[in-house]
C-alpha cells in the first residue's frame, strides 16, 4: 500500500521542569516534531514525500499489532508480549546512577520500558553509547522466581536465574533480554522502576535506544511513577499540527490536569489500552452513528498511529456527506489508498464543519488540519480510513489529535480534549 501519511514523530527533549504542588508533583517537557530540522533523528537524505510514505507503512503495521495485542490481553497475564511496532514519538530520559541520557520511543500502546544493554548479542546502531548496567549502582536484576517476573507475559528463567523477556512488535521488530530495576529520570523527577535490559534487538527503532511504555498497564512508567512517588497517575500532551515546526509539550502528574473552558471529557474503558467510545461523526447537518452492536469502547486513542480508523459504514457515510458539500475538484489518491481526495491547486479545500461525538457528551469539533493532509503536489486527502470486518476496534490517530491538549486521567478513568494552539 504505497499510500501517504504523516510521520508524526516528536522528540521529547530533556529541557524539563518540575513543579511541587500540595497534593503531589507535576512536570513537563517540550516536544519537537521528528521531521523538524531541529530533530536529532531526522533523516536528512529523505524527501518530504518519502517520509510520508514511510509513515503510512508504519501506521498499517502498528494498527495490525494493536489488534494482536488486544487479543493477547484477554489472557491472565498483566502484560502482553505482543506490542505495537514503531511508535511515532521519541523521548529523552536519563537512566541509571549516575544518570545517563538516552533517546527512546514514547509509546502509548505498550507498557514496559526497555533499552539496549551491554553485553550485546545483537544490537542495532543507536545514537548514544549502549547502556552498561555494570556502571549503574542502582541496577538490580529481577529474579525469575519473583512474582513480578511470573506476572509478565513472555518471560522465562535464564541461565543465571534472570527474568528473561521477549517482546515482539507488530512489524517483526523485537527486543530480548532480562528484566531489572533501575532509576529513570525525567526532568528532575527520578523513580526506581522495572525496565527491560535488551541484549538482542532489531527492527524499526531508528537510532533510539529502546521504548518507553505509556500505556495503562502495571509496567508503564505512568503507573510505576504513581506507585513509587507522589506523581499522580495522569499525563497529557499537545501535538503541533503538521504544518508547524514549533514545539509542543507532554505533562505528567499535576501538570497533566486538563481544565477550563472548552474541555470535552469522555470515559476511558477498562483495558490497559486507551479505549474510548465514538458514538457518531457529523458532517454539516448529516450525522453518521456507530452501530449499536459495536458501540461501547469501540475505539482506542493512540499517539503512535498516524491515521484514524473508523467503522466502514461510518467512513462511507462521512465520505458521501463531504463529497456533497466540498466544492473542489475530486481527484484520485496517487497511492490508491485514501477514499476521498481533492485538488488543492486552486487554493485551500473548503471543508464543512465536522464534529466527533464521544460518550459522555464529549463533542470534539475537528478543523481541516485534523482531517485533510497534502499527500502529493496539488492533492489533499482525508486521513480517515475504513476498518475491516475483522478489526476489533477503531483507532483515533495522531493527525486527528493535533492542536488539542489531550489528558489521560488514569485515576478517574477519563480522557479530555481541549482545543489548544500547541505549537
Protein backbone atom coordinates (compact mmCIF):
# COMPACT_ATOMS: atom_id res chain seq x y z
CA UNK A 1 0.00 0.00 0.00
CA UNK A 2 2.10 2.88 -1.25
CA UNK A 3 -0.12 5.49 0.33
CA UNK A 4 0.80 8.72 2.02
CA UNK A 5 0.58 9.69 5.66
CA UNK A 6 2.14 11.98 8.19
CA UNK A 7 5.18 10.98 10.13
CA UNK A 8 4.03 12.48 13.40
CA UNK A 9 7.07 11.60 15.47
CA UNK A 10 8.12 14.05 18.13
CA UNK A 11 11.20 14.49 20.20
CA UNK A 12 10.65 14.79 23.91
CA UNK A 13 13.73 16.79 24.80
CA UNK A 14 15.41 16.87 28.16
CA UNK A 15 14.69 20.55 28.89
CA UNK A 16 12.10 19.82 31.57
CA UNK A 17 10.87 21.43 34.75
CA UNK A 18 9.23 20.07 37.89
CA UNK A 19 6.57 21.80 39.98
CA UNK A 20 5.70 20.72 43.51
CA UNK A 21 2.01 21.00 44.48
CA UNK A 22 0.36 20.49 47.86
CA UNK A 23 -1.02 17.13 46.72
CA UNK A 24 1.81 15.91 44.53
CA UNK A 25 4.36 16.62 41.83
CA UNK A 26 3.92 17.71 38.24
CA UNK A 27 6.49 18.05 35.49
CA UNK A 28 6.51 18.88 31.80
CA UNK A 29 8.89 18.65 28.87
CA UNK A 30 8.98 20.21 25.43
CA UNK A 31 8.01 18.34 22.26
CA UNK A 32 9.57 18.75 18.82
CA UNK A 33 8.22 17.20 15.63
CA UNK A 34 10.52 14.42 14.46
CA UNK A 35 10.75 15.85 10.96
CA UNK A 36 11.67 19.30 12.21
CA UNK A 37 15.14 20.44 11.16
CA UNK A 38 15.82 20.64 14.91
CA UNK A 39 15.25 16.91 15.38
CA UNK A 40 18.43 14.88 16.00
CA UNK A 41 16.86 11.77 14.42
CA UNK A 42 15.61 13.42 11.21
CA UNK A 43 16.78 11.53 8.12
CA UNK A 44 18.20 14.32 6.01
CA UNK A 45 18.53 12.12 2.92
CA UNK A 46 14.77 11.57 2.52
CA UNK A 47 12.37 13.82 0.63
CA UNK A 48 9.18 15.10 2.23
CA UNK A 49 7.03 12.50 0.46
CA UNK A 50 9.49 9.70 1.22
CA UNK A 51 8.90 10.40 4.92
CA UNK A 52 5.15 10.37 4.41
CA UNK A 53 5.26 7.06 2.55
CA UNK A 54 7.35 5.50 5.31
CA UNK A 55 4.88 6.72 7.90
CA UNK A 56 1.87 5.06 6.30
CA UNK A 57 3.70 1.74 6.23
CA UNK A 58 4.43 2.04 9.94
CA UNK A 59 0.85 3.09 10.63
CA UNK A 60 -0.52 -0.04 8.93
CA UNK A 61 1.91 -2.32 10.79
CA UNK A 62 1.13 -0.63 14.09
CA UNK A 63 -2.63 -0.96 13.66
CA UNK A 64 -2.22 -4.68 12.98
CA UNK A 65 -0.08 -5.04 16.11
CA UNK A 66 -2.60 -3.19 18.27
CA UNK A 67 -5.26 -5.64 17.12
CA UNK A 68 -2.96 -8.56 18.02
CA UNK A 69 -2.21 -7.06 21.43
CA UNK A 70 -5.91 -6.69 22.16
CA UNK A 71 -6.37 -10.41 21.58
CA UNK A 72 -3.32 -11.29 23.72
CA UNK A 73 -4.55 -9.16 26.63
CA UNK A 74 -7.64 -11.35 27.01
CA UNK A 75 -5.41 -13.83 28.87
CA UNK A 76 -4.49 -13.80 32.56
CA UNK A 77 -1.07 -12.11 32.44
CA UNK A 78 -0.85 -8.42 33.30
CA UNK A 79 1.22 -7.68 30.22
CA UNK A 80 1.29 -8.95 26.67
CA UNK A 81 4.50 -10.00 24.94
CA UNK A 82 3.00 -8.57 21.73
CA UNK A 83 3.34 -4.80 21.41
CA UNK A 84 2.66 -2.37 18.57
CA UNK A 85 5.61 -1.75 16.31
CA UNK A 86 7.35 1.52 15.64
CA UNK A 87 5.75 4.31 17.58
CA UNK A 88 5.78 7.85 16.28
CA UNK A 89 7.39 9.75 19.14
CA UNK A 90 10.74 9.70 20.83
CA UNK A 91 11.61 10.99 24.27
CA UNK A 92 14.76 11.78 26.16
CA UNK A 93 15.13 10.17 29.58
CA UNK A 94 18.04 9.51 31.92
CA UNK A 95 18.76 6.00 33.14
CA UNK A 96 20.84 4.66 35.99
CA UNK A 97 23.03 6.07 38.77
CA UNK A 98 24.83 8.23 37.81
CA UNK A 99 22.16 9.15 35.20
CA UNK A 100 22.97 8.73 31.51
CA UNK A 101 20.68 10.32 28.89
CA UNK A 102 19.09 8.20 26.17
CA UNK A 103 16.56 8.86 23.39
CA UNK A 104 13.77 6.25 23.27
CA UNK A 105 10.43 5.80 21.51
CA UNK A 106 7.48 7.02 23.62
CA UNK A 107 4.58 4.62 23.11
CA UNK A 108 1.02 4.91 24.42
CA UNK A 109 0.32 1.44 23.00
CA UNK A 110 2.74 -0.59 25.15
CA UNK A 111 3.69 -0.85 28.80
CA UNK A 112 7.26 -1.96 29.55
CA UNK A 113 10.23 0.35 29.14
CA UNK A 114 13.42 -1.18 27.74
CA UNK A 115 16.78 -0.06 26.45
CA UNK A 116 19.61 -1.81 24.67
CA UNK A 117 22.22 -3.06 27.15
CA UNK A 118 25.74 -4.37 27.21
CA UNK A 119 26.80 -7.04 26.57
CA UNK A 120 25.17 -7.03 23.13
CA UNK A 121 24.41 -10.32 21.43
CA UNK A 122 22.80 -8.43 18.56
CA UNK A 123 22.17 -4.69 18.88
CA UNK A 124 21.19 -2.23 16.17
CA UNK A 125 23.15 1.07 15.86
CA UNK A 126 21.89 3.81 18.21
CA UNK A 127 22.76 7.48 18.58
CA UNK A 128 24.23 7.17 22.11
CA UNK A 129 26.56 4.56 23.62
CA UNK A 130 24.70 1.40 24.63
CA UNK A 131 23.75 1.35 28.33
CA UNK A 132 26.21 -0.51 30.55
CA UNK A 133 24.35 -1.84 33.62
CA UNK A 134 27.67 -2.52 35.40
CA UNK A 135 28.23 1.25 35.60
CA UNK A 136 24.88 1.92 37.34
CA UNK A 137 24.86 1.48 41.12
CA UNK A 138 21.04 1.34 41.14
CA UNK A 139 20.73 -1.51 38.58
CA UNK A 140 19.34 -4.75 40.02
CA UNK A 141 18.19 -7.83 38.03
CA UNK A 142 14.68 -9.17 38.67
CA UNK A 143 14.86 -12.86 39.80
CA UNK A 144 12.92 -15.30 37.65
CA UNK A 145 11.31 -16.71 40.82
CA UNK A 146 9.75 -13.35 41.73
CA UNK A 147 6.03 -12.62 41.44
CA UNK A 148 6.85 -9.70 39.15
CA UNK A 149 8.62 -11.97 36.67
CA UNK A 150 5.83 -14.55 36.73
CA UNK A 151 3.17 -11.91 36.06
CA UNK A 152 4.77 -10.58 32.87
CA UNK A 153 3.86 -12.28 29.62
CA UNK A 154 6.65 -13.80 27.55
CA UNK A 155 9.22 -14.31 30.34
CA UNK A 156 11.37 -17.35 31.10
CA UNK A 157 14.13 -18.29 33.58
CA UNK A 158 17.61 -17.55 32.25
CA UNK A 159 20.88 -19.36 32.91
CA UNK A 160 21.69 -17.07 35.84
CA UNK A 161 18.13 -17.22 37.23
CA UNK A 162 17.44 -13.94 35.47
CA UNK A 163 13.92 -13.00 34.34
CA UNK A 164 14.37 -13.16 30.57
CA UNK A 165 11.81 -11.44 28.34
CA UNK A 166 11.00 -11.45 24.65
CA UNK A 167 8.95 -8.51 23.34
CA UNK A 168 7.77 -8.98 19.76
CA UNK A 169 6.42 -5.97 17.87
CA UNK A 170 3.84 -5.90 15.11
CA UNK A 171 6.29 -5.13 12.34
CA UNK A 172 8.55 -8.03 13.44
CA UNK A 173 10.90 -5.75 15.36
CA UNK A 174 11.82 -7.21 18.73
CA UNK A 175 13.78 -6.95 21.97
CA UNK A 176 15.12 -9.84 24.05
CA UNK A 177 16.90 -9.52 27.36
CA UNK A 178 16.36 -9.50 31.12
CA UNK A 179 14.05 -7.55 33.40
CA UNK A 180 15.72 -5.39 36.04
CA UNK A 181 15.06 -2.40 38.25
CA UNK A 182 16.89 0.89 37.80
CA UNK A 183 16.33 4.62 38.16
CA UNK A 184 14.60 6.54 35.36
CA UNK A 185 14.79 10.34 35.47
CA UNK A 186 12.57 12.75 33.50
CA UNK A 187 13.38 16.36 34.23
CA UNK A 188 14.27 16.43 37.93
CA UNK A 189 11.92 13.56 38.86
CA UNK A 190 13.61 10.19 39.48
CA UNK A 191 11.87 6.86 40.17
CA UNK A 192 13.27 3.35 40.56
CA UNK A 193 11.22 1.06 38.33
CA UNK A 194 11.16 -2.19 36.36
CA UNK A 195 12.75 -1.94 32.91
CA UNK A 196 13.92 -4.29 30.21
CA UNK A 197 17.66 -4.61 29.57
CA UNK A 198 17.84 -5.74 25.95
CA UNK A 199 20.84 -7.77 24.77
CA UNK A 200 19.31 -8.66 21.40
CA UNK A 201 17.15 -6.19 19.49
CA UNK A 202 16.34 -5.40 15.90
CA UNK A 203 13.97 -3.70 13.51
CA UNK A 204 12.46 -0.28 13.10
CA UNK A 205 13.58 1.58 16.21
CA UNK A 206 15.71 4.04 14.24
CA UNK A 207 18.74 5.21 16.20
CA UNK A 208 16.84 5.32 19.50
CA UNK A 209 17.93 3.19 22.45
CA UNK A 210 14.57 1.46 23.02
CA UNK A 211 10.97 2.08 24.11
CA UNK A 212 9.27 3.96 26.97
CA UNK A 213 5.79 2.49 27.60
CA UNK A 214 2.99 4.96 28.36
CA UNK A 215 0.01 2.58 28.28
CA UNK A 216 -2.14 1.84 31.33
CA UNK A 217 -0.55 -1.43 32.48
CA UNK A 218 1.37 -2.13 35.68
CA UNK A 219 4.78 -1.81 33.97
CA UNK A 220 4.20 1.51 32.21
CA UNK A 221 6.20 4.43 33.55
CA UNK A 222 2.95 6.29 34.31
CA UNK A 223 1.78 3.52 36.66
CA UNK A 224 5.17 2.84 38.19
CA UNK A 225 5.78 6.53 38.94
CA UNK A 226 2.42 6.78 40.72
CA UNK A 227 3.13 3.70 42.86
CA UNK A 228 6.64 4.72 43.88
CA UNK A 229 6.37 8.51 44.19
CA UNK A 230 3.85 11.32 44.70
CA UNK A 231 3.35 11.71 40.92
CA UNK A 232 -0.34 11.12 40.24
CA UNK A 233 -1.39 8.65 37.52
CA UNK A 234 -2.03 11.26 34.85
CA UNK A 235 -0.34 12.54 31.72
CA UNK A 236 -1.28 14.85 28.87
CA UNK A 237 0.25 16.04 25.63
CA UNK A 238 -0.28 18.70 22.98
CA UNK A 239 0.76 17.85 19.43
CA UNK A 240 1.58 20.64 16.95
CA UNK A 241 -0.15 20.46 13.55
CA UNK A 242 1.63 19.01 10.54
CA UNK A 243 2.42 22.41 9.07
CA UNK A 244 4.15 23.62 12.23
CA UNK A 245 7.81 23.22 13.09
CA UNK A 246 7.33 24.63 16.57
CA UNK A 247 7.38 22.66 19.80
CA UNK A 248 4.58 21.02 21.77
CA UNK A 249 4.58 19.61 25.29
CA UNK A 250 3.97 16.49 27.34
CA UNK A 251 3.00 16.72 31.01
CA UNK A 252 2.93 14.30 33.93
CA UNK A 253 1.27 14.30 37.35
CA UNK A 254 -0.39 17.51 38.45
CA UNK A 255 0.88 19.33 35.36
CA UNK A 256 -1.25 16.96 33.27
CA UNK A 257 -4.63 18.25 34.52
CA UNK A 258 -6.82 19.49 31.61
CA UNK A 259 -9.37 22.06 32.75
CA UNK A 260 -11.08 25.33 31.82
CA UNK A 261 -13.33 26.48 29.03
CA UNK A 262 -13.79 24.21 26.02
CA UNK A 263 -12.85 20.91 27.71
CA UNK A 264 -14.73 17.83 26.48
CA UNK A 265 -14.28 14.65 28.55
CA UNK A 266 -15.20 11.04 27.80
CA UNK A 267 -14.82 7.84 29.86
CA UNK A 268 -11.83 5.55 29.37
CA UNK A 269 -12.58 1.83 29.10
CA UNK A 270 -11.22 -0.89 31.41
CA UNK A 271 -8.38 -2.10 29.16
CA UNK A 272 -4.76 -1.05 29.62
CA UNK A 273 -5.10 0.16 26.04
CA UNK A 274 -6.80 3.55 25.99
CA UNK A 275 -10.36 2.67 24.95
CA UNK A 276 -12.95 5.35 24.22
CA UNK A 277 -16.45 5.22 22.74
CA UNK A 278 -17.15 7.03 19.47
CA UNK A 279 -20.90 7.43 19.04
CA UNK A 280 -21.16 9.40 15.79
CA UNK A 281 -19.47 11.80 13.39
CA UNK A 282 -21.50 14.67 11.98
CA UNK A 283 -20.68 16.44 8.72
CA UNK A 284 -22.65 19.63 8.36
CA UNK A 285 -26.27 18.66 9.09
CA UNK A 286 -25.77 14.92 8.48
CA UNK A 287 -24.85 12.53 11.29
CA UNK A 288 -23.35 9.06 10.94
CA UNK A 289 -23.74 6.90 14.05
CA UNK A 290 -21.92 3.73 15.09
CA UNK A 291 -23.99 0.56 15.03
CA UNK A 292 -25.28 -0.30 18.50
CA UNK A 293 -23.75 -3.79 18.35
CA UNK A 294 -20.22 -2.29 18.45
CA UNK A 295 -21.00 0.94 20.26
CA UNK A 296 -19.16 0.59 23.62
CA UNK A 297 -15.36 1.05 23.88
CA UNK A 298 -15.18 0.82 20.11
CA UNK A 299 -12.03 2.93 19.63
CA UNK A 300 -8.60 3.33 21.13
CA UNK A 301 -6.73 6.63 21.09
CA UNK A 302 -3.11 6.12 20.14
CA UNK A 303 -0.23 8.55 19.74
CA UNK A 304 1.75 6.21 17.50
CA UNK A 305 -0.85 5.51 14.80
CA UNK A 306 -0.93 8.21 12.15
CA UNK A 307 -4.30 7.53 10.52
CA UNK A 308 -7.76 7.33 12.08
CA UNK A 309 -9.61 4.03 11.57
CA UNK A 310 -13.43 4.15 11.83
CA UNK A 311 -16.21 1.61 11.04
CA UNK A 312 -16.76 1.14 7.31
CA UNK A 313 -20.41 2.25 7.32
CA UNK A 314 -19.46 5.42 9.19
CA UNK A 315 -16.48 6.02 6.92
CA UNK A 316 -18.55 5.63 3.77
CA UNK A 317 -21.20 7.97 5.19
CA UNK A 318 -18.65 10.64 6.09
CA UNK A 319 -17.08 10.43 2.62
CA UNK A 320 -20.52 10.69 0.98
CA UNK A 321 -21.52 13.71 3.08
CA UNK A 322 -18.25 15.52 2.41
CA UNK A 323 -18.44 14.79 -1.31
CA UNK A 324 -21.83 16.55 -1.45
CA UNK A 325 -20.56 19.66 0.32
CA UNK A 326 -16.96 20.21 -0.77
CA UNK A 327 -16.85 22.23 -3.95
CA UNK A 328 -13.29 21.49 -5.04
CA UNK A 329 -12.40 19.12 -7.88
CA UNK A 330 -12.30 15.49 -6.69
CA UNK A 331 -9.20 13.55 -7.76
CA UNK A 332 -7.71 10.10 -7.18
CA UNK A 333 -5.17 9.40 -4.47
CA UNK A 334 -1.79 8.83 -6.19
CA UNK A 335 -1.16 5.99 -3.72
CA UNK A 336 -4.56 4.33 -4.31
CA UNK A 337 -5.27 4.16 -0.58
CA UNK A 338 -7.42 7.10 0.55
CA UNK A 339 -11.08 7.22 -0.46
CA UNK A 340 -11.54 10.99 -0.68
CA UNK A 341 -9.05 13.38 -2.29
CA UNK A 342 -9.37 16.84 -3.80
CA UNK A 343 -7.30 19.07 -5.98
CA UNK A 344 -5.74 21.85 -3.94
CA UNK A 345 -4.11 23.61 -6.91
CA UNK A 346 -6.73 26.33 -6.76
CA UNK A 347 -6.12 27.05 -3.06
CA UNK A 348 -7.40 25.60 0.18
CA UNK A 349 -10.11 22.95 0.08
CA UNK A 350 -13.34 24.24 1.65
CA UNK A 351 -14.08 21.68 4.37
CA UNK A 352 -17.51 21.57 6.07
CA UNK A 353 -17.99 21.58 9.84
CA UNK A 354 -17.15 18.14 11.25
CA UNK A 355 -17.73 17.01 14.85
CA UNK A 356 -16.78 13.73 16.53
CA UNK A 357 -19.29 12.75 19.21
CA UNK A 358 -17.84 10.64 22.04
CA UNK A 359 -19.63 9.08 25.02
CA UNK A 360 -20.41 11.32 27.97
CA UNK A 361 -21.43 14.24 25.76
CA UNK A 362 -17.89 14.97 24.55
CA UNK A 363 -18.33 16.74 21.22
CA UNK A 364 -15.00 17.46 19.52
CA UNK A 365 -15.05 19.78 16.51
CA UNK A 366 -12.35 18.88 14.01
CA UNK A 367 -10.62 21.61 12.00
CA UNK A 368 -9.44 20.88 8.47
CA UNK A 369 -5.87 20.15 9.63
CA UNK A 370 -7.15 17.20 11.69
CA UNK A 371 -8.69 15.56 8.63
CA UNK A 372 -7.03 16.53 5.34
CA UNK A 373 -3.32 16.38 4.51
CA UNK A 374 -1.48 17.21 1.29
CA UNK A 375 -0.21 13.84 0.06
CA UNK A 376 1.24 14.98 -3.27
CA UNK A 377 1.66 18.24 -5.13
CA UNK A 378 -1.83 19.70 -5.50
CA UNK A 379 -3.63 16.75 -3.83
CA UNK A 380 -5.23 16.74 -0.36
CA UNK A 381 -6.77 13.55 1.09
CA UNK A 382 -8.98 12.62 4.02
CA UNK A 383 -6.86 10.89 6.69
CA UNK A 384 -9.72 8.63 7.85
CA UNK A 385 -9.73 5.04 6.63
CA UNK A 386 -12.31 2.26 6.91
CA UNK A 387 -11.92 -0.64 9.34
CA UNK A 388 -12.16 -4.19 8.03
CA UNK A 389 -14.74 -6.64 9.35
CA UNK A 390 -12.08 -8.43 11.41
CA UNK A 391 -10.72 -5.32 13.14
CA UNK A 392 -11.78 -5.46 16.83
CA UNK A 393 -11.90 -1.66 17.27
CA UNK A 394 -11.14 1.62 15.56
CA UNK A 395 -8.15 3.87 16.23
CA UNK A 396 -8.18 7.63 16.82
CA UNK A 397 -4.84 8.55 15.26
CA UNK A 398 -2.44 11.38 15.91
CA UNK A 399 -3.38 13.61 12.96
CA UNK A 400 -6.87 13.88 14.48
CA UNK A 401 -5.26 14.80 17.83
CA UNK A 402 -3.17 17.76 16.65
CA UNK A 403 -3.83 21.14 18.33
CA UNK A 404 -5.70 19.52 21.20
CA UNK A 405 -4.44 19.27 24.75
CA UNK A 406 -5.31 15.63 25.46
CA UNK A 407 -5.34 14.47 29.05
CA UNK A 408 -5.24 10.86 30.28
CA UNK A 409 -6.54 10.66 33.86
CA UNK A 410 -5.99 7.03 34.82
CA UNK A 411 -7.29 7.62 38.34
CA UNK A 412 -10.69 8.92 37.21
CA UNK A 413 -10.65 6.79 34.01
CA UNK A 414 -11.29 9.85 31.86
CA UNK A 415 -9.87 11.27 28.63
CA UNK A 416 -10.17 15.00 27.95
CA UNK A 417 -9.84 17.11 24.79
CA UNK A 418 -9.22 20.86 24.89
CA UNK A 419 -8.65 22.90 21.70
CA UNK A 420 -5.20 24.43 22.12
CA UNK A 421 -2.59 26.13 19.94
CA UNK A 422 0.06 23.51 20.62
CA UNK A 423 3.00 24.99 18.71
